[in-house]
PDB file of N, CA and C in Angstrom:
ATOM      1  N   MET A   1      -2.377  23.417 -18.085  1.00  0.00           N
ATOM      2  CA  MET A   1      -1.805  23.929 -16.863  1.00  0.00           C
ATOM      3  C   MET A   1      -0.697  24.924 -17.195  1.00  0.00           C
ATOM      4  N   ASP A   2      -0.646  26.011 -16.461  1.00  0.00           N
ATOM      5  CA  ASP A   2       0.414  26.986 -16.656  1.00  0.00           C
ATOM      6  C   ASP A   2       1.674  26.522 -15.944  1.00  0.00           C
ATOM      7  N   ASP A   3       2.805  26.745 -16.622  1.00  0.00           N
ATOM      8  CA  ASP A   3       4.066  26.358 -16.013  1.00  0.00           C
ATOM      9  C   ASP A   3       4.720  27.570 -15.359  1.00  0.00           C
ATOM     10  N   LEU A   4       5.580  27.282 -14.394  1.00  0.00           N
ATOM     11  CA  LEU A   4       6.409  28.267 -13.721  1.00  0.00           C
ATOM     12  C   LEU A   4       7.841  27.956 -14.097  1.00  0.00           C
ATOM     13  N   ASP A   5       8.778  28.826 -13.747  1.00  0.00           N
ATOM     14  CA  ASP A   5      10.173  28.474 -13.997  1.00  0.00           C
ATOM     15  C   ASP A   5      10.712  27.680 -12.806  1.00  0.00           C
ATOM     16  N   GLY A   6      11.906  27.161 -12.954  1.00  0.00           N
ATOM     17  CA  GLY A   6      12.500  26.291 -11.947  1.00  0.00           C
ATOM     18  C   GLY A   6      12.687  26.920 -10.582  1.00  0.00           C
ATOM     19  N   ASN A   7      12.659  28.257 -10.505  1.00  0.00           N
ATOM     20  CA  ASN A   7      12.769  28.919  -9.209  1.00  0.00           C
ATOM     21  C   ASN A   7      11.621  28.536  -8.283  1.00  0.00           C
ATOM     22  N   ALA A   8      10.496  28.118  -8.851  1.00  0.00           N
ATOM     23  CA  ALA A   8       9.339  27.723  -8.058  1.00  0.00           C
ATOM     24  C   ALA A   8       9.623  26.492  -7.197  1.00  0.00           C
ATOM     25  N   MET A   9      10.637  25.716  -7.566  1.00  0.00           N
ATOM     26  CA  MET A   9      11.003  24.525  -6.789  1.00  0.00           C
ATOM     27  C   MET A   9      12.228  24.766  -5.915  1.00  0.00           C
ATOM     28  N   GLY A  10      12.709  26.010  -5.868  1.00  0.00           N
ATOM     29  CA  GLY A  10      13.928  26.321  -5.125  1.00  0.00           C
ATOM     30  C   GLY A  10      13.889  25.903  -3.670  1.00  0.00           C
ATOM     31  N   GLY A  11      12.843  26.274  -2.958  1.00  0.00           N
ATOM     32  CA  GLY A  11      12.747  25.926  -1.539  1.00  0.00           C
ATOM     33  C   GLY A  11      12.622  24.431  -1.314  1.00  0.00           C
ATOM     34  N   LEU A  12      11.813  23.785  -2.142  1.00  0.00           N
ATOM     35  CA  LEU A  12      11.628  22.340  -2.038  1.00  0.00           C
ATOM     36  C   LEU A  12      12.943  21.606  -2.304  1.00  0.00           C
ATOM     37  N   MET A  13      13.658  22.018  -3.342  1.00  0.00           N
ATOM     38  CA  MET A  13      14.928  21.355  -3.655  1.00  0.00           C
ATOM     39  C   MET A  13      15.977  21.609  -2.573  1.00  0.00           C
ATOM     40  N   GLN A  14      15.970  22.810  -1.985  1.00  0.00           N
ATOM     41  CA  GLN A  14      16.914  23.075  -0.899  1.00  0.00           C
ATOM     42  C   GLN A  14      16.588  22.198   0.308  1.00  0.00           C
ATOM     43  N   GLU A  15      15.311  21.988   0.563  1.00  0.00           N
ATOM     44  CA  GLU A  15      14.901  21.108   1.656  1.00  0.00           C
ATOM     45  C   GLU A  15      15.377  19.673   1.415  1.00  0.00           C
ATOM     46  N   ILE A  16      15.297  19.218   0.175  1.00  0.00           N
ATOM     47  CA  ILE A  16      15.680  17.844  -0.165  1.00  0.00           C
ATOM     48  C   ILE A  16      17.194  17.666  -0.223  1.00  0.00           C
ATOM     49  N   PHE A  17      17.891  18.573  -0.930  1.00  0.00           N
ATOM     50  CA  PHE A  17      19.332  18.421  -1.168  1.00  0.00           C
ATOM     51  C   PHE A  17      20.213  19.136  -0.155  1.00  0.00           C
ATOM     52  N   GLY A  18      19.646  20.081   0.592  1.00  0.00           N
ATOM     53  CA  GLY A  18      20.416  20.777   1.622  1.00  0.00           C
ATOM     54  C   GLY A  18      21.265  21.924   1.119  1.00  0.00           C
ATOM     55  N   VAL A  19      21.187  22.241  -0.164  1.00  0.00           N
ATOM     56  CA  VAL A  19      21.930  23.367  -0.746  1.00  0.00           C
ATOM     57  C   VAL A  19      21.051  24.065  -1.775  1.00  0.00           C
ATOM     58  N   GLU A  20      21.411  25.285  -2.118  1.00  0.00           N
ATOM     59  CA  GLU A  20      20.722  26.047  -3.155  1.00  0.00           C
ATOM     60  C   GLU A  20      20.868  25.313  -4.482  1.00  0.00           C
ATOM     61  N   MET A  21      19.745  25.011  -5.142  1.00  0.00           N
ATOM     62  CA  MET A  21      19.799  24.217  -6.365  1.00  0.00           C
ATOM     63  C   MET A  21      19.287  24.927  -7.610  1.00  0.00           C
ATOM     64  N   THR A  22      18.751  26.146  -7.498  1.00  0.00           N
ATOM     65  CA  THR A  22      18.212  26.797  -8.689  1.00  0.00           C
ATOM     66  C   THR A  22      19.301  27.178  -9.681  1.00  0.00           C
ATOM     67  N   THR A  23      20.541  27.282  -9.221  1.00  0.00           N
ATOM     68  CA  THR A  23      21.658  27.578 -10.124  1.00  0.00           C
ATOM     69  C   THR A  23      22.428  26.320 -10.522  1.00  0.00           C
ATOM     70  N   ALA A  24      21.970  25.164 -10.053  1.00  0.00           N
ATOM     71  CA  ALA A  24      22.610  23.892 -10.415  1.00  0.00           C
ATOM     72  C   ALA A  24      22.375  23.607 -11.897  1.00  0.00           C
ATOM     73  N   ILE A  25      23.292  22.886 -12.504  1.00  0.00           N
ATOM     74  CA  ILE A  25      23.181  22.491 -13.905  1.00  0.00           C
ATOM     75  C   ILE A  25      22.598  21.081 -13.963  1.00  0.00           C
ATOM     76  N   GLU A  26      21.470  20.949 -14.676  1.00  0.00           N
ATOM     77  CA  GLU A  26      20.874  19.633 -14.889  1.00  0.00           C
ATOM     78  C   GLU A  26      21.043  19.281 -16.358  1.00  0.00           C
ATOM     79  N   THR A  27      21.257  18.010 -16.621  1.00  0.00           N
ATOM     80  CA  THR A  27      21.365  17.518 -17.991  1.00  0.00           C
ATOM     81  C   THR A  27      20.241  16.531 -18.237  1.00  0.00           C
ATOM     82  N   CYS A  28      19.452  16.794 -19.269  1.00  0.00           N
ATOM     83  CA  CYS A  28      18.308  15.949 -19.606  1.00  0.00           C
ATOM     84  C   CYS A  28      18.791  14.594 -20.125  1.00  0.00           C
ATOM     85  N   ALA A  29      18.248  13.525 -19.568  1.00  0.00           N
ATOM     86  CA  ALA A  29      18.617  12.174 -20.002  1.00  0.00           C
ATOM     87  C   ALA A  29      18.040  11.846 -21.372  1.00  0.00           C
ATOM     88  N   HIS A  30      17.049  12.601 -21.816  1.00  0.00           N
ATOM     89  CA  HIS A  30      16.410  12.331 -23.100  1.00  0.00           C
ATOM     90  C   HIS A  30      17.114  13.036 -24.259  1.00  0.00           C
ATOM     91  N   CYS A  31      17.289  14.361 -24.155  1.00  0.00           N
ATOM     92  CA  CYS A  31      17.854  15.124 -25.280  1.00  0.00           C
ATOM     93  C   CYS A  31      19.281  15.599 -25.052  1.00  0.00           C
ATOM     94  N   GLY A  32      19.791  15.499 -23.826  1.00  0.00           N
ATOM     95  CA  GLY A  32      21.159  15.905 -23.532  1.00  0.00           C
ATOM     96  C   GLY A  32      21.330  17.394 -23.264  1.00  0.00           C
ATOM     97  N   ASN A  33      20.237  18.162 -23.284  1.00  0.00           N
ATOM     98  CA  ASN A  33      20.332  19.593 -23.015  1.00  0.00           C
ATOM     99  C   ASN A  33      20.795  19.826 -21.578  1.00  0.00           C
ATOM    100  N   ALA A  34      21.758  20.726 -21.417  1.00  0.00           N
ATOM    101  CA  ALA A  34      22.224  21.119 -20.090  1.00  0.00           C
ATOM    102  C   ALA A  34      21.747  22.543 -19.833  1.00  0.00           C
ATOM    103  N   ALA A  35      21.101  22.750 -18.694  1.00  0.00           N
ATOM    104  CA  ALA A  35      20.568  24.068 -18.349  1.00  0.00           C
ATOM    105  C   ALA A  35      20.531  24.208 -16.837  1.00  0.00           C
ATOM    106  N   VAL A  36      20.479  25.445 -16.370  1.00  0.00           N
ATOM    107  CA  VAL A  36      20.325  25.650 -14.932  1.00  0.00           C
ATOM    108  C   VAL A  36      18.891  25.294 -14.551  1.00  0.00           C
ATOM    109  N   VAL A  37      18.716  24.811 -13.344  1.00  0.00           N
ATOM    110  CA  VAL A  37      17.401  24.388 -12.858  1.00  0.00           C
ATOM    111  C   VAL A  37      16.384  25.520 -12.996  1.00  0.00           C
ATOM    112  N   ALA A  38      16.801  26.765 -12.785  1.00  0.00           N
ATOM    113  CA  ALA A  38      15.887  27.904 -12.865  1.00  0.00           C
ATOM    114  C   ALA A  38      15.245  28.049 -14.248  1.00  0.00           C
ATOM    115  N   GLU A  39      15.850  27.467 -15.291  1.00  0.00           N
ATOM    116  CA  GLU A  39      15.324  27.569 -16.652  1.00  0.00           C
ATOM    117  C   GLU A  39      14.339  26.457 -17.008  1.00  0.00           C
ATOM    118  N   THR A  40      14.149  25.495 -16.130  1.00  0.00           N
ATOM    119  CA  THR A  40      13.234  24.400 -16.421  1.00  0.00           C
ATOM    120  C   THR A  40      11.785  24.858 -16.276  1.00  0.00           C
ATOM    121  N   ALA A  41      10.869  24.070 -16.786  1.00  0.00           N
ATOM    122  CA  ALA A  41       9.439  24.340 -16.623  1.00  0.00           C
ATOM    123  C   ALA A  41       8.938  23.511 -15.450  1.00  0.00           C
ATOM    124  N   VAL A  42       8.197  24.139 -14.549  1.00  0.00           N
ATOM    125  CA  VAL A  42       7.716  23.463 -13.346  1.00  0.00           C
ATOM    126  C   VAL A  42       6.196  23.560 -13.276  1.00  0.00           C
ATOM    127  N   TYR A  43       5.584  22.459 -12.886  1.00  0.00           N
ATOM    128  CA  TYR A  43       4.133  22.384 -12.710  1.00  0.00           C
ATOM    129  C   TYR A  43       3.872  21.957 -11.276  1.00  0.00           C
ATOM    130  N   LEU A  44       3.105  22.759 -10.541  1.00  0.00           N
ATOM    131  CA  LEU A  44       2.880  22.496  -9.114  1.00  0.00           C
ATOM    132  C   LEU A  44       1.445  22.139  -8.775  1.00  0.00           C
ATOM    133  N   ARG A  45       0.551  22.095  -9.739  1.00  0.00           N
ATOM    134  CA  ARG A  45      -0.865  21.930  -9.436  1.00  0.00           C
ATOM    135  C   ARG A  45      -1.327  20.477  -9.350  1.00  0.00           C
ATOM    136  N   GLY A  46      -0.482  19.526  -9.616  1.00  0.00           N
ATOM    137  CA  GLY A  46      -0.873  18.123  -9.519  1.00  0.00           C
ATOM    138  C   GLY A  46      -0.640  17.600  -8.117  1.00  0.00           C
ATOM    139  N   PRO A  47      -0.657  16.298  -7.951  1.00  0.00           N
ATOM    140  CA  PRO A  47      -0.411  15.726  -6.635  1.00  0.00           C
ATOM    141  C   PRO A  47       1.035  15.871  -6.183  1.00  0.00           C
ATOM    142  N   GLY A  48       1.900  16.304  -7.086  1.00  0.00           N
ATOM    143  CA  GLY A  48       3.298  16.538  -6.762  1.00  0.00           C
ATOM    144  C   GLY A  48       3.841  17.639  -7.646  1.00  0.00           C
ATOM    145  N   ALA A  49       5.118  17.930  -7.507  1.00  0.00           N
ATOM    146  CA  ALA A  49       5.784  18.928  -8.327  1.00  0.00           C
ATOM    147  C   ALA A  49       6.487  18.218  -9.480  1.00  0.00           C
ATOM    148  N   VAL A  50       6.315  18.734 -10.693  1.00  0.00           N
ATOM    149  CA  VAL A  50       6.913  18.135 -11.882  1.00  0.00           C
ATOM    150  C   VAL A  50       7.821  19.159 -12.551  1.00  0.00           C
ATOM    151  N   MET A  51       9.067  18.755 -12.831  1.00  0.00           N
ATOM    152  CA  MET A  51      10.033  19.597 -13.534  1.00  0.00           C
ATOM    153  C   MET A  51      10.279  18.996 -14.914  1.00  0.00           C
ATOM    154  N   ARG A  52      10.175  19.840 -15.954  1.00  0.00           N
ATOM    155  CA  ARG A  52      10.356  19.381 -17.337  1.00  0.00           C
ATOM    156  C   ARG A  52      11.517  20.101 -18.010  1.00  0.00           C
ATOM    157  N   CYS A  53      12.128  19.427 -18.964  1.00  0.00           N
ATOM    158  CA  CYS A  53      13.228  19.982 -19.754  1.00  0.00           C
ATOM    159  C   CYS A  53      12.715  21.179 -20.564  1.00  0.00           C
ATOM    160  N   PRO A  54      13.458  22.288 -20.573  1.00  0.00           N
ATOM    161  CA  PRO A  54      13.025  23.451 -21.345  1.00  0.00           C
ATOM    162  C   PRO A  54      13.158  23.245 -22.855  1.00  0.00           C
ATOM    163  N   THR A  55      13.890  22.228 -23.286  1.00  0.00           N
ATOM    164  CA  THR A  55      14.098  21.971 -24.709  1.00  0.00           C
ATOM    165  C   THR A  55      13.120  20.943 -25.267  1.00  0.00           C
ATOM    166  N   CYS A  56      13.059  19.761 -24.657  1.00  0.00           N
ATOM    167  CA  CYS A  56      12.237  18.677 -25.214  1.00  0.00           C
ATOM    168  C   CYS A  56      10.974  18.386 -24.407  1.00  0.00           C
ATOM    169  N   THR A  57      10.786  19.039 -23.291  1.00  0.00           N
ATOM    170  CA  THR A  57       9.663  18.877 -22.354  1.00  0.00           C
ATOM    171  C   THR A  57       9.601  17.502 -21.673  1.00  0.00           C
ATOM    172  N   ASN A  58      10.661  16.715 -21.774  1.00  0.00           N
ATOM    173  CA  ASN A  58      10.732  15.442 -21.060  1.00  0.00           C
ATOM    174  C   ASN A  58      10.647  15.703 -19.548  1.00  0.00           C
ATOM    175  N   ILE A  59      10.018  14.807 -18.816  1.00  0.00           N
ATOM    176  CA  ILE A  59       9.961  14.947 -17.358  1.00  0.00           C
ATOM    177  C   ILE A  59      11.350  14.675 -16.788  1.00  0.00           C
ATOM    178  N   LEU A  60      11.867  15.645 -16.054  1.00  0.00           N
ATOM    179  CA  LEU A  60      13.180  15.517 -15.424  1.00  0.00           C
ATOM    180  C   LEU A  60      13.056  14.970 -14.003  1.00  0.00           C
ATOM    181  N   MET A  61      12.138  15.545 -13.235  1.00  0.00           N
ATOM    182  CA  MET A  61      12.025  15.180 -11.830  1.00  0.00           C
ATOM    183  C   MET A  61      10.580  15.332 -11.373  1.00  0.00           C
ATOM    184  N   VAL A  62      10.162  14.424 -10.505  1.00  0.00           N
ATOM    185  CA  VAL A  62       8.854  14.495  -9.865  1.00  0.00           C
ATOM    186  C   VAL A  62       9.089  14.358  -8.363  1.00  0.00           C
ATOM    187  N   VAL A  63       8.474  15.263  -7.594  1.00  0.00           N
ATOM    188  CA  VAL A  63       8.590  15.211  -6.137  1.00  0.00           C
ATOM    189  C   VAL A  63       7.181  15.156  -5.554  1.00  0.00           C
ATOM    190  N   VAL A  64       6.948  14.142  -4.735  1.00  0.00           N
ATOM    191  CA  VAL A  64       5.656  13.977  -4.063  1.00  0.00           C
ATOM    192  C   VAL A  64       5.928  13.839  -2.572  1.00  0.00           C
ATOM    193  N   ARG A  65       5.156  14.563  -1.777  1.00  0.00           N
ATOM    194  CA  ARG A  65       5.292  14.438  -0.328  1.00  0.00           C
ATOM    195  C   ARG A  65       4.335  13.351   0.144  1.00  0.00           C
ATOM    196  N   ARG A  66       4.875  12.392   0.886  1.00  0.00           N
ATOM    197  CA  ARG A  66       4.074  11.285   1.428  1.00  0.00           C
ATOM    198  C   ARG A  66       4.353  11.209   2.907  1.00  0.00           C
ATOM    199  N   GLN A  67       3.330  11.436   3.698  1.00  0.00           N
ATOM    200  CA  GLN A  67       3.445  11.492   5.158  1.00  0.00           C
ATOM    201  C   GLN A  67       4.566  12.476   5.524  1.00  0.00           C
ATOM    202  N   ASP A  68       5.628  12.034   6.143  1.00  0.00           N
ATOM    203  CA  ASP A  68       6.699  12.936   6.568  1.00  0.00           C
ATOM    204  C   ASP A  68       7.956  12.836   5.713  1.00  0.00           C
ATOM    205  N   MET A  69       7.813  12.395   4.464  1.00  0.00           N
ATOM    206  CA  MET A  69       8.996  12.284   3.608  1.00  0.00           C
ATOM    207  C   MET A  69       8.673  12.724   2.192  1.00  0.00           C
ATOM    208  N   HIS A  70       9.713  13.045   1.446  1.00  0.00           N
ATOM    209  CA  HIS A  70       9.580  13.377   0.033  1.00  0.00           C
ATOM    210  C   HIS A  70       9.973  12.154  -0.792  1.00  0.00           C
ATOM    211  N   CYS A  71       9.174  11.822  -1.780  1.00  0.00           N
ATOM    212  CA  CYS A  71       9.508  10.768  -2.730  1.00  0.00           C
ATOM    213  C   CYS A  71       9.968  11.488  -3.998  1.00  0.00           C
ATOM    214  N   VAL A  72      11.186  11.225  -4.412  1.00  0.00           N
ATOM    215  CA  VAL A  72      11.791  11.947  -5.531  1.00  0.00           C
ATOM    216  C   VAL A  72      12.139  10.971  -6.648  1.00  0.00           C
ATOM    217  N   ASP A  73      11.632  11.238  -7.843  1.00  0.00           N
ATOM    218  CA  ASP A  73      11.967  10.448  -9.038  1.00  0.00           C
ATOM    219  C   ASP A  73      12.775  11.353  -9.956  1.00  0.00           C
ATOM    220  N   MET A  74      14.022  11.006 -10.193  1.00  0.00           N
ATOM    221  CA  MET A  74      14.913  11.811 -11.028  1.00  0.00           C
ATOM    222  C   MET A  74      15.372  11.043 -12.261  1.00  0.00           C
ATOM    223  N   GLN A  75      14.560  10.119 -12.768  1.00  0.00           N
ATOM    224  CA  GLN A  75      14.952   9.314 -13.920  1.00  0.00           C
ATOM    225  C   GLN A  75      15.270  10.144 -15.146  1.00  0.00           C
ATOM    226  N   GLY A  76      14.657  11.306 -15.287  1.00  0.00           N
ATOM    227  CA  GLY A  76      14.865  12.128 -16.471  1.00  0.00           C
ATOM    228  C   GLY A  76      16.119  12.969 -16.446  1.00  0.00           C
ATOM    229  N   ILE A  77      16.849  12.945 -15.329  1.00  0.00           N
ATOM    230  CA  ILE A  77      18.068  13.749 -15.203  1.00  0.00           C
ATOM    231  C   ILE A  77      19.283  12.842 -15.328  1.00  0.00           C
ATOM    232  N   ALA A  78      20.116  13.123 -16.342  1.00  0.00           N
ATOM    233  CA  ALA A  78      21.350  12.353 -16.523  1.00  0.00           C
ATOM    234  C   ALA A  78      22.399  12.782 -15.515  1.00  0.00           C
ATOM    235  N   SER A  79      22.447  14.091 -15.207  1.00  0.00           N
ATOM    236  CA  SER A  79      23.363  14.595 -14.188  1.00  0.00           C
ATOM    237  C   SER A  79      22.806  15.878 -13.601  1.00  0.00           C
ATOM    238  N   LEU A  80      23.193  16.140 -12.348  1.00  0.00           N
ATOM    239  CA  LEU A  80      22.763  17.331 -11.630  1.00  0.00           C
ATOM    240  C   LEU A  80      23.937  17.788 -10.793  1.00  0.00           C
ATOM    241  N   SER A  81      24.437  18.984 -11.069  1.00  0.00           N
ATOM    242  CA  SER A  81      25.621  19.488 -10.385  1.00  0.00           C
ATOM    243  C   SER A  81      25.349  20.864  -9.783  1.00  0.00           C
ATOM    244  N   PRO A  82      25.511  21.007  -8.469  1.00  0.00           N
ATOM    245  CA  PRO A  82      25.371  22.340  -7.856  1.00  0.00           C
ATOM    246  C   PRO A  82      26.339  23.321  -8.521  1.00  0.00           C
ATOM    247  N   ALA A  83      25.997  24.600  -8.520  1.00  0.00           N
ATOM    248  CA  ALA A  83      26.830  25.637  -9.138  1.00  0.00           C
ATOM    249  C   ALA A  83      28.252  25.565  -8.594  1.00  0.00           C
ATOM    250  N   GLY A  84      29.211  25.742  -9.475  1.00  0.00           N
ATOM    251  CA  GLY A  84      30.608  25.711  -9.087  1.00  0.00           C
ATOM    252  C   GLY A  84      31.229  24.328  -9.107  1.00  0.00           C
ATOM    253  N   GLN A  85      30.430  23.298  -9.414  1.00  0.00           N
ATOM    254  CA  GLN A  85      30.943  21.929  -9.495  1.00  0.00           C
ATOM    255  C   GLN A  85      30.660  21.390 -10.878  1.00  0.00           C
ATOM    256  N   THR A  86      31.391  20.390 -11.298  1.00  0.00           N
ATOM    257  CA  THR A  86      31.159  19.770 -12.591  1.00  0.00           C
ATOM    258  C   THR A  86      30.495  18.414 -12.395  1.00  0.00           C
ATOM    259  N   ALA A  87      29.761  17.975 -13.400  1.00  0.00           N
ATOM    260  CA  ALA A  87      29.018  16.721 -13.318  1.00  0.00           C
ATOM    261  C   ALA A  87      29.918  15.515 -13.296  1.00  0.00           C
TER     262      ALA A  87
END
């Protein structure tokens, strides 16, 4: 599957979090890499959206839409901070 950059999840993340998140800093719970969401690898062709760490490819976040809600698994993210804020 071809990956996209994290900007591909920008609208979805704004819908979930209520703020612009492509410039947010995420820290991978597996390798500790900190990067802006826009630099992550995103896969949209499965039953949900999958975001992976650009360094170790660990799964950071999975979002699946079920009926009228989003189910979000963020186990792979140690911290997530919108731009201008610290973790």
